[in-house]
Structures are given as structure tokens and as C-alpha cells.
Amino acid sequence: MKYASVSVKFPVELDTEIERFLDETGIYTNKSEFIKEACRSHLRELNDDTAITALRLEQLLAQAEQSHQSDADIDDELTALGEKVDADDLERAIEEAREETATQVYGSDS
């Protein structure tokens, strides 16, 4: 496996907290391993997020409007994205977006 070298800057307090965690638990052998796993975990979490799926759907629809992709291909991609969406999560995301919009427009919760 090939590895990329990445430089990360974060507050000294966070570095100290990570070092303390590593020393206390011994779960990870070094900071690099800890950060690599944290990035993987966060990426998995983001890929499962309903809002990210909605964003991808929005981008796909925008691309479809400008491309010569067949309707069947577009339908296949939409179906695949739709299968990743949890209906309850989507409903909560829509409700939160409505509340946020109402707050922005009317200046208070509706």
C-alpha cells in the first residue's frame, strides 16, 4: 500500500490531549495511527450522512441537466443514492432545514 505524507496543524491543547490519550490507553502505537483512524472514521460518518447524500443528489441532478448521459444511467445513479437515504434521517434533516430557514427569514423559531 502506498502512503501519502500529510502535514496537519492543530492547537497545542489538542496535541496534548491526543498525546495524553495515547499514553493512558495504549490503543494506538503513535499519533499518526490515531489520526489516520480518526480520518477514516470521520469519512465513513460523512458518507453515511443524509445531508451529504442530498448534496450528492443535488450535484448529480445539476450534472444531468448539462450532460448527455442517458435517462437510464441517471435513474440508476438516483436509485443507488436513494437506497443510502434513511427516511427518518431525511425527514429530520428536512424539518431542521425548515426551522433554520424560518429562523433566518423571520428572526425567531417557528
PDB file of N, CA and C in Angstrom:
ATOM      1  N   MET A   1       0.843  -1.166   0.000  1.00  0.00           N
ATOM      2  CA  MET A   1       0.000   0.000   0.000  1.00  0.00           C
ATOM      3  C   MET A   1       0.896   1.241   0.000  1.00  0.00           C
ATOM      4  N   LYS A   2       0.561   2.194  -0.845  1.00  0.00           N
ATOM      5  CA  LYS A   2       1.304   3.454  -0.879  1.00  0.00           C
ATOM      6  C   LYS A   2       0.700   4.411   0.137  1.00  0.00           C
ATOM      7  N   TYR A   3       1.554   5.224   0.723  1.00  0.00           N
ATOM      8  CA  TYR A   3       1.107   6.192   1.714  1.00  0.00           C
ATOM      9  C   TYR A   3       1.456   7.600   1.261  1.00  0.00           C
ATOM     10  N   ALA A   4       0.563   8.526   1.575  1.00  0.00           N
ATOM     11  CA  ALA A   4       0.815   9.938   1.328  1.00  0.00           C
ATOM     12  C   ALA A   4       1.268  10.560   2.642  1.00  0.00           C
ATOM     13  N   SER A   5       2.108  11.539   2.535  1.00  0.00           N
ATOM     14  CA  SER A   5       2.547  12.253   3.721  1.00  0.00           C
ATOM     15  C   SER A   5       1.736  13.543   3.813  1.00  0.00           C
ATOM     16  N   VAL A   6       1.099  13.743   4.962  1.00  0.00           N
ATOM     17  CA  VAL A   6       0.233  14.900   5.149  1.00  0.00           C
ATOM     18  C   VAL A   6       0.675  15.639   6.402  1.00  0.00           C
ATOM     19  N   SER A   7       0.775  16.933   6.293  1.00  0.00           N
ATOM     20  CA  SER A   7       1.120  17.763   7.443  1.00  0.00           C
ATOM     21  C   SER A   7      -0.168  18.361   8.001  1.00  0.00           C
ATOM     22  N   VAL A   8      -0.358  18.203   9.302  1.00  0.00           N
ATOM     23  CA  VAL A   8      -1.575  18.690   9.943  1.00  0.00           C
ATOM     24  C   VAL A   8      -1.192  19.641  11.066  1.00  0.00           C
ATOM     25  N   LYS A   9      -1.823  20.806  11.079  1.00  0.00           N
ATOM     26  CA  LYS A   9      -1.613  21.747  12.167  1.00  0.00           C
ATOM     27  C   LYS A   9      -2.895  21.837  12.973  1.00  0.00           C
ATOM     28  N   PHE A  10      -2.772  21.716  14.289  1.00  0.00           N
ATOM     29  CA  PHE A  10      -3.903  21.928  15.169  1.00  0.00           C
ATOM     30  C   PHE A  10      -3.393  22.476  16.493  1.00  0.00           C
ATOM     31  N   PRO A  11      -4.295  22.984  17.318  1.00  0.00           N
ATOM     32  CA  PRO A  11      -3.874  23.650  18.554  1.00  0.00           C
ATOM     33  C   PRO A  11      -3.038  22.731  19.455  1.00  0.00           C
ATOM     34  N   VAL A  12      -2.117  23.343  20.175  1.00  0.00           N
ATOM     35  CA  VAL A  12      -1.247  22.611  21.087  1.00  0.00           C
ATOM     36  C   VAL A  12      -2.081  21.831  22.107  1.00  0.00           C
ATOM     37  N   GLU A  13      -3.190  22.421  22.543  1.00  0.00           N
ATOM     38  CA  GLU A  13      -4.051  21.748  23.519  1.00  0.00           C
ATOM     39  C   GLU A  13      -4.575  20.422  22.977  1.00  0.00           C
ATOM     40  N   LEU A  14      -4.956  20.401  21.700  1.00  0.00           N
ATOM     41  CA  LEU A  14      -5.438  19.169  21.086  1.00  0.00           C
ATOM     42  C   LEU A  14      -4.315  18.151  20.980  1.00  0.00           C
ATOM     43  N   ASP A  15      -3.139  18.615  20.618  1.00  0.00           N
ATOM     44  CA  ASP A  15      -1.977  17.725  20.548  1.00  0.00           C
ATOM     45  C   ASP A  15      -1.702  17.109  21.917  1.00  0.00           C
ATOM     46  N   THR A  16      -1.772  17.921  22.943  1.00  0.00           N
ATOM     47  CA  THR A  16      -1.543  17.445  24.308  1.00  0.00           C
ATOM     48  C   THR A  16      -2.605  16.419  24.700  1.00  0.00           C
ATOM     49  N   GLU A  17      -3.847  16.704  24.337  1.00  0.00           N
ATOM     50  CA  GLU A  17      -4.948  15.789  24.655  1.00  0.00           C
ATOM     51  C   GLU A  17      -4.759  14.441  23.947  1.00  0.00           C
ATOM     52  N   ILE A  18      -4.346  14.482  22.692  1.00  0.00           N
ATOM     53  CA  ILE A  18      -4.097  13.246  21.936  1.00  0.00           C
ATOM     54  C   ILE A  18      -2.948  12.471  22.568  1.00  0.00           C
ATOM     55  N   GLU A  19      -1.865  13.161  22.872  1.00  0.00           N
ATOM     56  CA  GLU A  19      -0.703  12.512  23.493  1.00  0.00           C
ATOM     57  C   GLU A  19      -1.096  11.851  24.816  1.00  0.00           C
ATOM     58  N   ARG A  20      -1.875  12.561  25.622  1.00  0.00           N
ATOM     59  CA  ARG A  20      -2.323  12.026  26.907  1.00  0.00           C
ATOM     60  C   ARG A  20      -3.166  10.766  26.688  1.00  0.00           C
ATOM     61  N   PHE A  21      -4.082  10.831  25.719  1.00  0.00           N
ATOM     62  CA  PHE A  21      -4.926   9.667  25.411  1.00  0.00           C
ATOM     63  C   PHE A  21      -4.077   8.473  24.993  1.00  0.00           C
ATOM     64  N   LEU A  22      -3.110   8.717  24.120  1.00  0.00           N
ATOM     65  CA  LEU A  22      -2.239   7.634  23.659  1.00  0.00           C
ATOM     66  C   LEU A  22      -1.447   7.030  24.815  1.00  0.00           C
ATOM     67  N   ASP A  23      -0.918   7.890  25.686  1.00  0.00           N
ATOM     68  CA  ASP A  23      -0.140   7.410  26.835  1.00  0.00           C
ATOM     69  C   ASP A  23      -1.005   6.614  27.815  1.00  0.00           C
ATOM     70  N   GLU A  24      -2.227   7.108  28.051  1.00  0.00           N
ATOM     71  CA  GLU A  24      -3.104   6.477  29.038  1.00  0.00           C
ATOM     72  C   GLU A  24      -3.687   5.152  28.563  1.00  0.00           C
ATOM     73  N   THR A  25      -3.993   5.058  27.269  1.00  0.00           N
ATOM     74  CA  THR A  25      -4.711   3.872  26.782  1.00  0.00           C
ATOM     75  C   THR A  25      -3.832   2.859  26.070  1.00  0.00           C
ATOM     76  N   GLY A  26      -2.846   3.335  25.339  1.00  0.00           N
ATOM     77  CA  GLY A  26      -2.017   2.421  24.562  1.00  0.00           C
ATOM     78  C   GLY A  26      -2.757   1.775  23.404  1.00  0.00           C
ATOM     79  N   ILE A  27      -3.943   2.280  23.077  1.00  0.00           N
ATOM     80  CA  ILE A  27      -4.744   1.709  21.989  1.00  0.00           C
ATOM     81  C   ILE A  27      -4.038   1.884  20.649  1.00  0.00           C
ATOM     82  N   TYR A  28      -3.426   3.020  20.455  1.00  0.00           N
ATOM     83  CA  TYR A  28      -2.696   3.306  19.220  1.00  0.00           C
ATOM     84  C   TYR A  28      -1.209   3.377  19.539  1.00  0.00           C
ATOM     85  N   THR A  29      -0.397   2.933  18.588  1.00  0.00           N
ATOM     86  CA  THR A  29       1.045   2.927  18.833  1.00  0.00           C
ATOM     87  C   THR A  29       1.668   4.305  18.656  1.00  0.00           C
ATOM     88  N   ASN A  30       1.021   5.151  17.840  1.00  0.00           N
ATOM     89  CA  ASN A  30       1.564   6.501  17.641  1.00  0.00           C
ATOM     90  C   ASN A  30       0.468   7.450  17.178  1.00  0.00           C
ATOM     91  N   LYS A  31       0.797   8.714  17.168  1.00  0.00           N
ATOM     92  CA  LYS A  31      -0.163   9.758  16.802  1.00  0.00           C
ATOM     93  C   LYS A  31      -0.620   9.611  15.354  1.00  0.00           C
ATOM     94  N   SER A  32       0.277   9.223  14.485  1.00  0.00           N
ATOM     95  CA  SER A  32      -0.064   9.054  13.073  1.00  0.00           C
ATOM     96  C   SER A  32      -1.170   8.013  12.894  1.00  0.00           C
ATOM     97  N   GLU A  33      -1.036   6.895  13.596  1.00  0.00           N
ATOM     98  CA  GLU A  33      -2.040   5.836  13.521  1.00  0.00           C
ATOM     99  C   GLU A  33      -3.394   6.339  14.038  1.00  0.00           C
ATOM    100  N   PHE A  34      -3.352   7.097  15.130  1.00  0.00           N
ATOM    101  CA  PHE A  34      -4.568   7.659  15.702  1.00  0.00           C
ATOM    102  C   PHE A  34      -5.263   8.603  14.716  1.00  0.00           C
ATOM    103  N   ILE A  35      -4.495   9.510  14.122  1.00  0.00           N
ATOM    104  CA  ILE A  35      -5.058  10.488  13.184  1.00  0.00           C
ATOM    105  C   ILE A  35      -5.594   9.796  11.937  1.00  0.00           C
ATOM    106  N   LYS A  36      -4.874   8.801  11.430  1.00  0.00           N
ATOM    107  CA  LYS A  36      -5.317   8.057  10.248  1.00  0.00           C
ATOM    108  C   LYS A  36      -6.675   7.385  10.522  1.00  0.00           C
ATOM    109  N   GLU A  37      -6.813   6.750  11.676  1.00  0.00           N
ATOM    110  CA  GLU A  37      -8.074   6.079  12.011  1.00  0.00           C
ATOM    111  C   GLU A  37      -9.192   7.096  12.240  1.00  0.00           C
ATOM    112  N   ALA A  38      -8.869   8.235  12.842  1.00  0.00           N
ATOM    113  CA  ALA A  38      -9.865   9.285  13.059  1.00  0.00           C
ATOM    114  C   ALA A  38     -10.392   9.806  11.721  1.00  0.00           C
ATOM    115  N   CYS A  39      -9.493   9.984  10.762  1.00  0.00           N
ATOM    116  CA  CYS A  39      -9.905  10.437   9.426  1.00  0.00           C
ATOM    117  C   CYS A  39     -10.794   9.405   8.750  1.00  0.00           C
ATOM    118  N   ARG A  40     -10.413   8.132   8.839  1.00  0.00           N
ATOM    119  CA  ARG A  40     -11.249   7.072   8.254  1.00  0.00           C
ATOM    120  C   ARG A  40     -12.640   7.057   8.864  1.00  0.00           C
ATOM    121  N   SER A  41     -12.683   7.145  10.181  1.00  0.00           N
ATOM    122  CA  SER A  41     -13.959   7.118  10.893  1.00  0.00           C
ATOM    123  C   SER A  41     -14.831   8.308  10.492  1.00  0.00           C
ATOM    124  N   HIS A  42     -14.232   9.477  10.432  1.00  0.00           N
ATOM    125  CA  HIS A  42     -14.990  10.676  10.061  1.00  0.00           C
ATOM    126  C   HIS A  42     -15.486  10.588   8.618  1.00  0.00           C
ATOM    127  N   LEU A  43     -14.670  10.058   7.730  1.00  0.00           N
ATOM    128  CA  LEU A  43     -15.076   9.907   6.338  1.00  0.00           C
ATOM    129  C   LEU A  43     -16.247   8.940   6.222  1.00  0.00           C
ATOM    130  N   ARG A  44     -16.198   7.821   6.957  1.00  0.00           N
ATOM    131  CA  ARG A  44     -17.325   6.877   6.952  1.00  0.00           C
ATOM    132  C   ARG A  44     -18.583   7.566   7.449  1.00  0.00           C
ATOM    133  N   GLU A  45     -18.445   8.335   8.517  1.00  0.00           N
ATOM    134  CA  GLU A  45     -19.577   9.051   9.098  1.00  0.00           C
ATOM    135  C   GLU A  45     -20.166  10.042   8.087  1.00  0.00           C
ATOM    136  N   LEU A  46     -19.309  10.785   7.420  1.00  0.00           N
ATOM    137  CA  LEU A  46     -19.782  11.747   6.419  1.00  0.00           C
ATOM    138  C   LEU A  46     -20.462  11.055   5.250  1.00  0.00           C
ATOM    139  N   ASN A  47     -19.908   9.939   4.805  1.00  0.00           N
ATOM    140  CA  ASN A  47     -20.500   9.225   3.680  1.00  0.00           C
ATOM    141  C   ASN A  47     -21.860   8.642   4.026  1.00  0.00           C
ATOM    142  N   ASP A  48     -22.128   8.419   5.306  1.00  0.00           N
ATOM    143  CA  ASP A  48     -23.423   7.896   5.736  1.00  0.00           C
ATOM    144  C   ASP A  48     -24.404   9.010   6.082  1.00  0.00           C
ATOM    145  N   ASP A  49     -23.957  10.257   6.045  1.00  0.00           N
ATOM    146  CA  ASP A  49     -24.787  11.392   6.436  1.00  0.00           C
ATOM    147  C   ASP A  49     -25.820  11.710   5.362  1.00  0.00           C
ATOM    148  N   THR A  50     -27.057  11.878   5.788  1.00  0.00           N
ATOM    149  CA  THR A  50     -28.155  12.166   4.858  1.00  0.00           C
ATOM    150  C   THR A  50     -27.934  13.479   4.115  1.00  0.00           C
ATOM    151  N   ALA A  51     -27.398  14.473   4.796  1.00  0.00           N
ATOM    152  CA  ALA A  51     -27.165  15.765   4.149  1.00  0.00           C
ATOM    153  C   ALA A  51     -26.134  15.638   3.035  1.00  0.00           C
ATOM    154  N   ILE A  52     -25.116  14.816   3.229  1.00  0.00           N
ATOM    155  CA  ILE A  52     -24.100  14.605   2.191  1.00  0.00           C
ATOM    156  C   ILE A  52     -24.723  13.877   1.004  1.00  0.00           C
ATOM    157  N   THR A  53     -25.577  12.896   1.294  1.00  0.00           N
ATOM    158  CA  THR A  53     -26.273  12.184   0.216  1.00  0.00           C
ATOM    159  C   THR A  53     -27.151  13.155  -0.565  1.00  0.00           C
ATOM    160  N   ALA A  54     -27.839  14.049   0.142  1.00  0.00           N
ATOM    161  CA  ALA A  54     -28.682  15.043  -0.524  1.00  0.00           C
ATOM    162  C   ALA A  54     -27.835  15.973  -1.387  1.00  0.00           C
ATOM    163  N   LEU A  55     -26.667  16.365  -0.878  1.00  0.00           N
ATOM    164  CA  LEU A  55     -25.761  17.218  -1.650  1.00  0.00           C
ATOM    165  C   LEU A  55     -25.312  16.504  -2.924  1.00  0.00           C
ATOM    166  N   ARG A  56     -24.941  15.237  -2.784  1.00  0.00           N
ATOM    167  CA  ARG A  56     -24.531  14.462  -3.960  1.00  0.00           C
ATOM    168  C   ARG A  56     -25.679  14.340  -4.957  1.00  0.00           C
ATOM    169  N   LEU A  57     -26.877  14.154  -4.453  1.00  0.00           N
ATOM    170  CA  LEU A  57     -28.051  14.067  -5.321  1.00  0.00           C
ATOM    171  C   LEU A  57     -28.256  15.378  -6.066  1.00  0.00           C
ATOM    172  N   GLU A  58     -28.129  16.479  -5.353  1.00  0.00           N
ATOM    173  CA  GLU A  58     -28.271  17.803  -5.968  1.00  0.00           C
ATOM    174  C   GLU A  58     -27.213  18.009  -7.049  1.00  0.00           C
ATOM    175  N   GLN A  59     -25.985  17.613  -6.762  1.00  0.00           N
ATOM    176  CA  GLN A  59     -24.910  17.745  -7.744  1.00  0.00           C
ATOM    177  C   GLN A  59     -25.144  16.848  -8.955  1.00  0.00           C
ATOM    178  N   LEU A  60     -25.639  15.643  -8.697  1.00  0.00           N
ATOM    179  CA  LEU A  60     -25.941  14.720  -9.787  1.00  0.00           C
ATOM    180  C   LEU A  60     -27.023  15.282 -10.691  1.00  0.00           C
ATOM    181  N   LEU A  61     -28.047  15.854 -10.090  1.00  0.00           N
ATOM    182  CA  LEU A  61     -29.125  16.445 -10.898  1.00  0.00           C
ATOM    183  C   LEU A  61     -28.610  17.625 -11.727  1.00  0.00           C
ATOM    184  N   ALA A  62     -27.743  18.435 -11.136  1.00  0.00           N
ATOM    185  CA  ALA A  62     -27.163  19.560 -11.871  1.00  0.00           C
ATOM    186  C   ALA A  62     -26.321  19.061 -13.040  1.00  0.00           C
ATOM    187  N   GLN A  63     -25.545  18.004 -12.807  1.00  0.00           N
ATOM    188  CA  GLN A  63     -24.730  17.427 -13.884  1.00  0.00           C
ATOM    189  C   GLN A  63     -25.628  16.835 -14.969  1.00  0.00           C
ATOM    190  N   ALA A  64     -26.718  16.207 -14.551  1.00  0.00           N
ATOM    191  CA  ALA A  64     -27.622  15.566 -15.510  1.00  0.00           C
ATOM    192  C   ALA A  64     -28.241  16.597 -16.445  1.00  0.00           C
ATOM    193  N   GLU A  65     -28.511  17.777 -15.907  1.00  0.00           N
ATOM    194  CA  GLU A  65     -29.088  18.835 -16.730  1.00  0.00           C
ATOM    195  C   GLU A  65     -28.130  19.278 -17.827  1.00  0.00           C
ATOM    196  N   GLN A  66     -26.824  19.124 -17.575  1.00  0.00           N
ATOM    197  CA  GLN A  66     -25.830  19.617 -18.517  1.00  0.00           C
ATOM    198  C   GLN A  66     -25.141  18.516 -19.315  1.00  0.00           C
ATOM    199  N   SER A  67     -25.471  17.268 -19.047  1.00  0.00           N
ATOM    200  CA  SER A  67     -24.759  16.181 -19.716  1.00  0.00           C
ATOM    201  C   SER A  67     -25.632  15.482 -20.745  1.00  0.00           C
ATOM    202  N   HIS A  68     -24.989  14.587 -21.444  1.00  0.00           N
ATOM    203  CA  HIS A  68     -25.684  13.793 -22.451  1.00  0.00           C
ATOM    204  C   HIS A  68     -25.865  12.365 -21.952  1.00  0.00           C
ATOM    205  N   GLN A  69     -25.843  12.199 -20.637  1.00  0.00           N
ATOM    206  CA  GLN A  69     -25.997  10.891 -20.022  1.00  0.00           C
ATOM    207  C   GLN A  69     -27.426  10.396 -20.248  1.00  0.00           C
ATOM    208  N   SER A  70     -27.555   9.111 -20.490  1.00  0.00           N
ATOM    209  CA  SER A  70     -28.875   8.553 -20.766  1.00  0.00           C
ATOM    210  C   SER A  70     -29.753   8.597 -19.525  1.00  0.00           C
ATOM    211  N   ASP A  71     -31.055   8.635 -19.738  1.00  0.00           N
ATOM    212  CA  ASP A  71     -32.003   8.641 -18.623  1.00  0.00           C
ATOM    213  C   ASP A  71     -31.843   7.396 -17.764  1.00  0.00           C
ATOM    214  N   ALA A  72     -31.560   6.263 -18.392  1.00  0.00           N
ATOM    215  CA  ALA A  72     -31.398   5.009 -17.647  1.00  0.00           C
ATOM    216  C   ALA A  72     -30.200   5.088 -16.701  1.00  0.00           C
ATOM    217  N   ASP A  73     -29.082   5.666 -17.176  1.00  0.00           N
ATOM    218  CA  ASP A  73     -27.901   5.821 -16.322  1.00  0.00           C
ATOM    219  C   ASP A  73     -28.196   6.747 -15.147  1.00  0.00           C
ATOM    220  N   ILE A  74     -28.884   7.838 -15.422  1.00  0.00           N
ATOM    221  CA  ILE A  74     -29.241   8.787 -14.370  1.00  0.00           C
ATOM    222  C   ILE A  74     -30.169   8.118 -13.363  1.00  0.00           C
ATOM    223  N   ASP A  75     -31.154   7.383 -13.849  1.00  0.00           N
ATOM    224  CA  ASP A  75     -32.075   6.671 -12.962  1.00  0.00           C
ATOM    225  C   ASP A  75     -31.325   5.677 -12.075  1.00  0.00           C
ATOM    226  N   ASP A  76     -30.351   4.973 -12.654  1.00  0.00           N
ATOM    227  CA  ASP A  76     -29.562   4.013 -11.881  1.00  0.00           C
ATOM    228  C   ASP A  76     -28.802   4.711 -10.753  1.00  0.00           C
ATOM    229  N   GLU A  77     -28.190   5.856 -11.066  1.00  0.00           N
ATOM    230  CA  GLU A  77     -27.441   6.594 -10.046  1.00  0.00           C
ATOM    231  C   GLU A  77     -28.373   7.150  -8.973  1.00  0.00           C
ATOM    232  N   LEU A  78     -29.534   7.652  -9.383  1.00  0.00           N
ATOM    233  CA  LEU A  78     -30.502   8.169  -8.418  1.00  0.00           C
ATOM    234  C   LEU A  78     -31.019   7.056  -7.515  1.00  0.00           C
ATOM    235  N   THR A  79     -31.265   5.899  -8.086  1.00  0.00           N
ATOM    236  CA  THR A  79     -31.728   4.763  -7.299  1.00  0.00           C
ATOM    237  C   THR A  79     -30.683   4.343  -6.279  1.00  0.00           C
ATOM    238  N   ALA A  80     -29.429   4.287  -6.708  1.00  0.00           N
ATOM    239  CA  ALA A  80     -28.341   3.915  -5.793  1.00  0.00           C
ATOM    240  C   ALA A  80     -28.232   4.912  -4.648  1.00  0.00           C
ATOM    241  N   LEU A  81     -28.339   6.204  -4.953  1.00  0.00           N
ATOM    242  CA  LEU A  81     -28.287   7.216  -3.893  1.00  0.00           C
ATOM    243  C   LEU A  81     -29.505   7.107  -2.979  1.00  0.00           C
ATOM    244  N   GLY A  82     -30.669   6.881  -3.573  1.00  0.00           N
ATOM    245  CA  GLY A  82     -31.900   6.759  -2.796  1.00  0.00           C
ATOM    246  C   GLY A  82     -31.849   5.615  -1.804  1.00  0.00           C
ATOM    247  N   GLU A  83     -31.159   4.548  -2.147  1.00  0.00           N
ATOM    248  CA  GLU A  83     -31.040   3.392  -1.257  1.00  0.00           C
ATOM    249  C   GLU A  83     -30.189   3.701  -0.035  1.00  0.00           C
ATOM    250  N   LYS A  84     -29.348   4.714  -0.123  1.00  0.00           N
ATOM    251  CA  LYS A  84     -28.491   5.095   1.002  1.00  0.00           C
ATOM    252  C   LYS A  84     -29.209   6.007   1.996  1.00  0.00           C
ATOM    253  N   VAL A  85     -30.354   6.538   1.602  1.00  0.00           N
ATOM    254  CA  VAL A  85     -31.048   7.519   2.432  1.00  0.00           C
ATOM    255  C   VAL A  85     -31.975   6.815   3.416  1.00  0.00           C
ATOM    256  N   ASP A  86     -31.815   7.161   4.686  1.00  0.00           N
ATOM    257  CA  ASP A  86     -32.714   6.683   5.720  1.00  0.00           C
ATOM    258  C   ASP A  86     -33.892   7.650   5.781  1.00  0.00           C
ATOM    259  N   ALA A  87     -35.097   7.153   5.629  1.00  0.00           N
ATOM    260  CA  ALA A  87     -36.289   8.013   5.563  1.00  0.00           C
ATOM    261  C   ALA A  87     -36.451   8.867   6.812  1.00  0.00           C
ATOM    262  N   ASP A  88     -36.184   8.306   7.987  1.00  0.00           N
ATOM    263  CA  ASP A  88     -36.305   9.078   9.222  1.00  0.00           C
ATOM    264  C   ASP A  88     -35.264  10.187   9.295  1.00  0.00           C
ATOM    265  N   ASP A  89     -34.023   9.867   8.888  1.00  0.00           N
ATOM    266  CA  ASP A  89     -32.971  10.885   8.865  1.00  0.00           C
ATOM    267  C   ASP A  89     -33.318  11.999   7.887  1.00  0.00           C
ATOM    268  N   LEU A  90     -33.855  11.623   6.743  1.00  0.00           N
ATOM    269  CA  LEU A  90     -34.240  12.618   5.740  1.00  0.00           C
ATOM    270  C   LEU A  90     -35.336  13.522   6.280  1.00  0.00           C
ATOM    271  N   GLU A  91     -36.322  12.940   6.930  1.00  0.00           N
ATOM    272  CA  GLU A  91     -37.414  13.725   7.497  1.00  0.00           C
ATOM    273  C   GLU A  91     -36.888  14.704   8.553  1.00  0.00           C
ATOM    274  N   ARG A  92     -35.962  14.223   9.411  1.00  0.00           N
ATOM    275  CA  ARG A  92     -35.369  15.104  10.426  1.00  0.00           C
ATOM    276  C   ARG A  92     -34.565  16.222   9.768  1.00  0.00           C
ATOM    277  N   ALA A  93     -33.798  15.890   8.732  1.00  0.00           N
ATOM    278  CA  ALA A  93     -32.982  16.895   8.043  1.00  0.00           C
ATOM    279  C   ALA A  93     -33.867  17.961   7.404  1.00  0.00           C
ATOM    280  N   ILE A  94     -34.973  17.534   6.817  1.00  0.00           N
ATOM    281  CA  ILE A  94     -35.897  18.486   6.187  1.00  0.00           C
ATOM    282  C   ILE A  94     -36.504  19.391   7.247  1.00  0.00           C
ATOM    283  N   GLU A  95     -36.929  18.818   8.357  1.00  0.00           N
ATOM    284  CA  GLU A  95     -37.527  19.613   9.430  1.00  0.00           C
ATOM    285  C   GLU A  95     -36.520  20.609   9.993  1.00  0.00           C
ATOM    286  N   GLU A  96     -35.278  20.170  10.192  1.00  0.00           N
ATOM    287  CA  GLU A  96     -34.243  21.077  10.694  1.00  0.00           C
ATOM    288  C   GLU A  96     -33.970  22.200   9.702  1.00  0.00           C
ATOM    289  N   ALA A  97     -33.948  21.868   8.413  1.00  0.00           N
ATOM    290  CA  ALA A  97     -33.715  22.885   7.387  1.00  0.00           C
ATOM    291  C   ALA A  97     -34.857  23.891   7.357  1.00  0.00           C
ATOM    292  N   ARG A  98     -36.089  23.404   7.508  1.00  0.00           N
ATOM    293  CA  ARG A  98     -37.246  24.312   7.538  1.00  0.00           C
ATOM    294  C   ARG A  98     -37.168  25.247   8.734  1.00  0.00           C
ATOM    295  N   GLU A  99     -36.823  24.689   9.894  1.00  0.00           N
ATOM    296  CA  GLU A  99     -36.713  25.515  11.098  1.00  0.00           C
ATOM    297  C   GLU A  99     -35.602  26.548  10.957  1.00  0.00           C
ATOM    298  N   GLU A 100     -34.476  26.126  10.392  1.00  0.00           N
ATOM    299  CA  GLU A 100     -33.360  27.049  10.198  1.00  0.00           C
ATOM    300  C   GLU A 100     -33.735  28.163   9.222  1.00  0.00           C
ATOM    301  N   THR A 101     -34.435  27.802   8.156  1.00  0.00           N
ATOM    302  CA  THR A 101     -34.878  28.801   7.180  1.00  0.00           C
ATOM    303  C   THR A 101     -35.861  29.768   7.818  1.00  0.00           C
ATOM    304  N   ALA A 102     -36.784  29.251   8.600  1.00  0.00           N
ATOM    305  CA  ALA A 102     -37.755  30.122   9.278  1.00  0.00           C
ATOM    306  C   ALA A 102     -37.050  31.076  10.209  1.00  0.00           C
ATOM    307  N   THR A 103     -36.051  30.587  10.921  1.00  0.00           N
ATOM    308  CA  THR A 103     -35.289  31.437  11.823  1.00  0.00           C
ATOM    309  C   THR A 103     -34.561  32.532  11.060  1.00  0.00           C
ATOM    310  N   GLN A 104     -33.982  32.171   9.912  1.00  0.00           N
ATOM    311  CA  GLN A 104     -33.263  33.153   9.110  1.00  0.00           C
ATOM    312  C   GLN A 104     -34.214  34.185   8.508  1.00  0.00           C
ATOM    313  N   VAL A 105     -35.361  33.732   8.061  1.00  0.00           N
ATOM    314  CA  VAL A 105     -36.296  34.625   7.393  1.00  0.00           C
ATOM    315  C   VAL A 105     -37.065  35.492   8.392  1.00  0.00           C
ATOM    316  N   TYR A 106     -37.541  34.855   9.459  1.00  0.00           N
ATOM    317  CA  TYR A 106     -38.415  35.566  10.400  1.00  0.00           C
ATOM    318  C   TYR A 106     -37.712  36.009  11.680  1.00  0.00           C
ATOM    319  N   GLY A 107     -36.490  35.562  11.863  1.00  0.00           N
ATOM    320  CA  GLY A 107     -35.715  36.001  13.022  1.00  0.00           C
ATOM    321  C   GLY A 107     -36.024  35.283  14.313  1.00  0.00           C
ATOM    322  N   SER A 108     -36.897  34.285  14.289  1.00  0.00           N
ATOM    323  CA  SER A 108     -37.180  33.502  15.501  1.00  0.00           C
ATOM    324  C   SER A 108     -37.664  32.130  15.102  1.00  0.00           C
ATOM    325  N   ASP A 109     -37.654  31.206  16.064  1.00  0.00           N
ATOM    326  CA  ASP A 109     -38.131  29.848  15.773  1.00  0.00           C
ATOM    327  C   ASP A 109     -39.614  29.867  15.494  1.00  0.00           C
ATOM    328  N   SER A 110     -40.034  29.034  14.554  1.00  0.00           N
ATOM    329  CA  SER A 110     -41.458  28.954  14.222  1.00  0.00           C
ATOM    330  C   SER A 110     -42.075  27.745  14.863  1.00  0.00           C
TER     331      SER A 110
END
